[in-house]
Amino acid sequence: MDAMDNHHAGLHVDSFDLEYVEATKHVNIYLIKKRAADGEHFRNSMAWASFSTMEALTAYRDEIDGVTFIGKTILISKNGDESLDKVYQADIAMKDAKSVNWANLANYPNLTAAIKNNFDSVWWHYAVTG
């Protein structure tokens, strides 16, 4: 998985971190997009990053049982305080991910629907859904 270290260079996010838990064969991917024009821009950035990363991870399919994406962005409280908060999570079992053409999903007209249709579970914070 060392090849994944420089993977974030072409992604639409500010920060990319990968954690592999060998005991469970699970990968956690942390994506941070500090600023986005709006909720749709944020969701699209998470989609592109997720699809691109899944395409790369399928090369390690025998070493991975599952993948979780956690997306974070800066939210502003009612008092004007800023904090980096989780606003996206998507989970998939690698057995399901093997059959998806991840590279092709980036061209799908509705990226949010593409995520929903290809991951086992997806959660969005209300701050980025509308």
C-alpha atoms as a PDB file:
ATOM      1  CA  MET A   1       0.000   0.000   0.000  1.00  0.00           C
ATOM      2  CA  ASP A   2       3.047   2.242  -0.041  1.00  0.00           C
ATOM      3  CA  ALA A   3       2.120   3.228  -3.594  1.00  0.00           C
ATOM      4  CA  MET A   4      -0.935   5.006  -2.169  1.00  0.00           C
ATOM      5  CA  ASP A   5       1.235   7.519  -0.276  1.00  0.00           C
ATOM      6  CA  ASN A   6       1.331   9.998  -3.182  1.00  0.00           C
ATOM      7  CA  HIS A   7      -2.154   9.204  -4.456  1.00  0.00           C
ATOM      8  CA  HIS A   8      -3.761  12.445  -3.242  1.00  0.00           C
ATOM      9  CA  ALA A   9      -1.883  14.655  -5.721  1.00  0.00           C
ATOM     10  CA  GLY A  10      -4.620  14.476  -8.379  1.00  0.00           C
ATOM     11  CA  LEU A  11      -7.601  14.492  -6.038  1.00  0.00           C
ATOM     12  CA  HIS A  12      -9.950  17.414  -5.495  1.00  0.00           C
ATOM     13  CA  VAL A  13      -9.207  17.574  -1.762  1.00  0.00           C
ATOM     14  CA  ASP A  14      -6.780  19.479   0.448  1.00  0.00           C
ATOM     15  CA  SER A  15      -5.655  16.484   2.474  1.00  0.00           C
ATOM     16  CA  PHE A  16      -5.660  12.710   2.047  1.00  0.00           C
ATOM     17  CA  ASP A  17      -4.714  10.171   4.700  1.00  0.00           C
ATOM     18  CA  LEU A  18      -4.887   6.389   4.518  1.00  0.00           C
ATOM     19  CA  GLU A  19      -4.992   4.037   7.491  1.00  0.00           C
ATOM     20  CA  TYR A  20      -4.729   0.269   6.994  1.00  0.00           C
ATOM     21  CA  VAL A  21      -5.782  -1.959   9.880  1.00  0.00           C
ATOM     22  CA  GLU A  22      -4.034  -5.242   9.153  1.00  0.00           C
ATOM     23  CA  ALA A  23      -5.917  -7.235  11.809  1.00  0.00           C
ATOM     24  CA  THR A  24      -9.278  -6.524  10.123  1.00  0.00           C
ATOM     25  CA  LYS A  25      -7.985  -5.912   6.578  1.00  0.00           C
ATOM     26  CA  HIS A  26      -9.877  -2.611   6.585  1.00  0.00           C
ATOM     27  CA  VAL A  27      -8.821   0.700   5.051  1.00  0.00           C
ATOM     28  CA  ASN A  28      -9.938   4.057   6.401  1.00  0.00           C
ATOM     29  CA  ILE A  29      -9.509   7.008   4.040  1.00  0.00           C
ATOM     30  CA  TYR A  30      -9.664  10.522   5.486  1.00  0.00           C
ATOM     31  CA  LEU A  31     -10.447  13.278   2.990  1.00  0.00           C
ATOM     32  CA  ILE A  32     -10.354  16.960   3.947  1.00  0.00           C
ATOM     33  CA  LYS A  33     -11.723  19.736   1.758  1.00  0.00           C
ATOM     34  CA  LYS A  34     -11.397  22.921   3.806  1.00  0.00           C
ATOM     35  CA  ARG A  35     -13.397  25.206   1.520  1.00  0.00           C
ATOM     36  CA  ALA A  36     -15.943  24.514  -1.204  1.00  0.00           C
ATOM     37  CA  ALA A  37     -18.047  26.854  -3.286  1.00  0.00           C
ATOM     38  CA  ASP A  38     -21.231  25.118  -2.117  1.00  0.00           C
ATOM     39  CA  GLY A  39     -22.598  21.746  -1.039  1.00  0.00           C
ATOM     40  CA  GLU A  40     -22.639  20.352  -4.562  1.00  0.00           C
ATOM     41  CA  HIS A  41     -18.987  21.309  -5.090  1.00  0.00           C
ATOM     42  CA  PHE A  42     -18.072  19.558  -1.828  1.00  0.00           C
ATOM     43  CA  ARG A  43     -20.072  16.420  -2.682  1.00  0.00           C
ATOM     44  CA  ASN A  44     -18.513  16.254  -6.157  1.00  0.00           C
ATOM     45  CA  SER A  45     -15.027  16.624  -4.676  1.00  0.00           C
ATOM     46  CA  MET A  46     -15.703  13.732  -2.288  1.00  0.00           C
ATOM     47  CA  ALA A  47     -17.104  11.640  -5.158  1.00  0.00           C
ATOM     48  CA  TRP A  48     -14.103  12.191  -7.451  1.00  0.00           C
ATOM     49  CA  ALA A  49     -11.685  11.455  -4.608  1.00  0.00           C
ATOM     50  CA  SER A  50     -13.622   8.329  -3.578  1.00  0.00           C
ATOM     51  CA  PHE A  51     -13.858   6.925  -7.116  1.00  0.00           C
ATOM     52  CA  SER A  52     -10.195   7.588  -7.886  1.00  0.00           C
ATOM     53  CA  THR A  53      -9.076   6.047  -4.596  1.00  0.00           C
ATOM     54  CA  MET A  54     -11.268   2.974  -5.038  1.00  0.00           C
ATOM     55  CA  GLU A  55      -9.852   2.459  -8.516  1.00  0.00           C
ATOM     56  CA  ALA A  56      -6.325   2.464  -7.025  1.00  0.00           C
ATOM     57  CA  LEU A  57      -7.297   0.245  -4.070  1.00  0.00           C
ATOM     58  CA  THR A  58      -8.689  -2.526  -6.270  1.00  0.00           C
ATOM     59  CA  ALA A  59      -5.070  -3.410  -7.055  1.00  0.00           C
ATOM     60  CA  TYR A  60      -4.861  -4.531  -3.394  1.00  0.00           C
ATOM     61  CA  ARG A  61      -8.183  -6.389  -3.351  1.00  0.00           C
ATOM     62  CA  ASP A  62      -6.649  -9.543  -1.848  1.00  0.00           C
ATOM     63  CA  GLU A  63      -5.281  -7.533   1.102  1.00  0.00           C
ATOM     64  CA  ILE A  64      -8.462  -5.524   1.814  1.00  0.00           C
ATOM     65  CA  ASP A  65     -11.880  -6.657   3.051  1.00  0.00           C
ATOM     66  CA  GLY A  66     -13.494  -3.232   3.431  1.00  0.00           C
ATOM     67  CA  VAL A  67     -13.039   0.494   2.907  1.00  0.00           C
ATOM     68  CA  THR A  68     -14.468   3.494   4.760  1.00  0.00           C
ATOM     69  CA  PHE A  69     -14.208   7.064   3.490  1.00  0.00           C
ATOM     70  CA  ILE A  70     -14.507   9.891   5.994  1.00  0.00           C
ATOM     71  CA  GLY A  71     -14.800  13.385   4.554  1.00  0.00           C
ATOM     72  CA  LYS A  72     -14.322  16.528   6.605  1.00  0.00           C
ATOM     73  CA  THR A  73     -14.725  20.236   6.007  1.00  0.00           C
ATOM     74  CA  ILE A  74     -14.756  23.439   8.008  1.00  0.00           C
ATOM     75  CA  LEU A  75     -18.163  24.280   9.426  1.00  0.00           C
ATOM     76  CA  ILE A  76     -19.090  27.551  11.109  1.00  0.00           C
ATOM     77  CA  SER A  77     -21.212  27.463  14.258  1.00  0.00           C
ATOM     78  CA  LYS A  78     -24.030  29.886  15.027  1.00  0.00           C
ATOM     79  CA  ASN A  79     -21.481  31.815  17.121  1.00  0.00           C
ATOM     80  CA  GLY A  80     -19.111  32.148  14.166  1.00  0.00           C
ATOM     81  CA  ASP A  81     -16.589  29.590  15.441  1.00  0.00           C
ATOM     82  CA  GLU A  82     -14.941  27.336  12.867  1.00  0.00           C
ATOM     83  CA  SER A  83     -14.277  23.632  13.353  1.00  0.00           C
ATOM     84  CA  LEU A  84     -13.209  20.745  11.132  1.00  0.00           C
ATOM     85  CA  ASP A  85     -16.136  18.318  11.172  1.00  0.00           C
ATOM     86  CA  LYS A  86     -17.073  15.007   9.578  1.00  0.00           C
ATOM     87  CA  VAL A  87     -19.664  15.608   6.884  1.00  0.00           C
ATOM     88  CA  TYR A  88     -19.339  12.496   4.680  1.00  0.00           C
ATOM     89  CA  GLN A  89     -18.949   8.788   5.213  1.00  0.00           C
ATOM     90  CA  ALA A  90     -19.125   5.963   2.681  1.00  0.00           C
ATOM     91  CA  ASP A  91     -18.483   2.281   3.306  1.00  0.00           C
ATOM     92  CA  ILE A  92     -17.959  -0.604   0.922  1.00  0.00           C
ATOM     93  CA  ALA A  93     -16.907  -4.234   1.163  1.00  0.00           C
ATOM     94  CA  MET A  94     -14.101  -5.031  -1.253  1.00  0.00           C
ATOM     95  CA  LYS A  95     -16.033  -8.026  -2.577  1.00  0.00           C
ATOM     96  CA  ASP A  96     -18.619  -5.519  -3.888  1.00  0.00           C
ATOM     97  CA  ALA A  97     -16.011  -3.014  -5.085  1.00  0.00           C
ATOM     98  CA  LYS A  98     -14.237  -5.472  -7.376  1.00  0.00           C
ATOM     99  CA  SER A  99     -16.978  -5.371 -10.014  1.00  0.00           C
ATOM    100  CA  VAL A 100     -17.350  -1.565 -10.233  1.00  0.00           C
ATOM    101  CA  ASN A 101     -15.771   0.414 -13.080  1.00  0.00           C
ATOM    102  CA  TRP A 102     -14.563   3.201 -10.784  1.00  0.00           C
ATOM    103  CA  ALA A 103     -12.846   5.234 -13.505  1.00  0.00           C
ATOM    104  CA  ASN A 104     -16.070   5.466 -15.491  1.00  0.00           C
ATOM    105  CA  LEU A 105     -18.123   6.791 -12.547  1.00  0.00           C
ATOM    106  CA  ALA A 106     -16.375  10.174 -12.674  1.00  0.00           C
ATOM    107  CA  ASN A 107     -18.317  10.857 -15.891  1.00  0.00           C
ATOM    108  CA  TYR A 108     -21.699  10.026 -14.364  1.00  0.00           C
ATOM    109  CA  PRO A 109     -24.056  13.053 -14.607  1.00  0.00           C
ATOM    110  CA  ASN A 110     -25.107  12.852 -10.927  1.00  0.00           C
ATOM    111  CA  LEU A 111     -22.078  12.016  -8.785  1.00  0.00           C
ATOM    112  CA  THR A 112     -24.075  11.871  -5.545  1.00  0.00           C
ATOM    113  CA  ALA A 113     -26.330   9.209  -7.080  1.00  0.00           C
ATOM    114  CA  ALA A 114     -23.260   7.322  -8.330  1.00  0.00           C
ATOM    115  CA  ILE A 115     -21.914   7.173  -4.777  1.00  0.00           C
ATOM    116  CA  LYS A 116     -25.258   6.064  -3.368  1.00  0.00           C
ATOM    117  CA  ASN A 117     -25.614   3.356  -6.042  1.00  0.00           C
ATOM    118  CA  ASN A 118     -22.113   1.918  -5.680  1.00  0.00           C
ATOM    119  CA  PHE A 119     -21.290   2.045  -1.970  1.00  0.00           C
ATOM    120  CA  ASP A 120     -22.882  -0.162   0.683  1.00  0.00           C
ATOM    121  CA  SER A 121     -23.753   2.816   2.883  1.00  0.00           C
ATOM    122  CA  VAL A 122     -23.421   6.580   2.499  1.00  0.00           C
ATOM    123  CA  TRP A 123     -24.024   9.409   4.967  1.00  0.00           C
ATOM    124  CA  TRP A 124     -23.916  13.182   4.323  1.00  0.00           C
ATOM    125  CA  HIS A 125     -24.156  15.916   6.958  1.00  0.00           C
ATOM    126  CA  TYR A 126     -27.085  18.238   6.306  1.00  0.00           C
ATOM    127  CA  ALA A 127     -24.658  21.171   5.869  1.00  0.00           C
ATOM    128  CA  VAL A 128     -23.491  19.741   2.521  1.00  0.00           C
ATOM    129  CA  THR A 129     -26.716  18.281   1.180  1.00  0.00           C
ATOM    130  CA  GLY A 130     -28.546  21.327   0.023  1.00  0.00           C
END
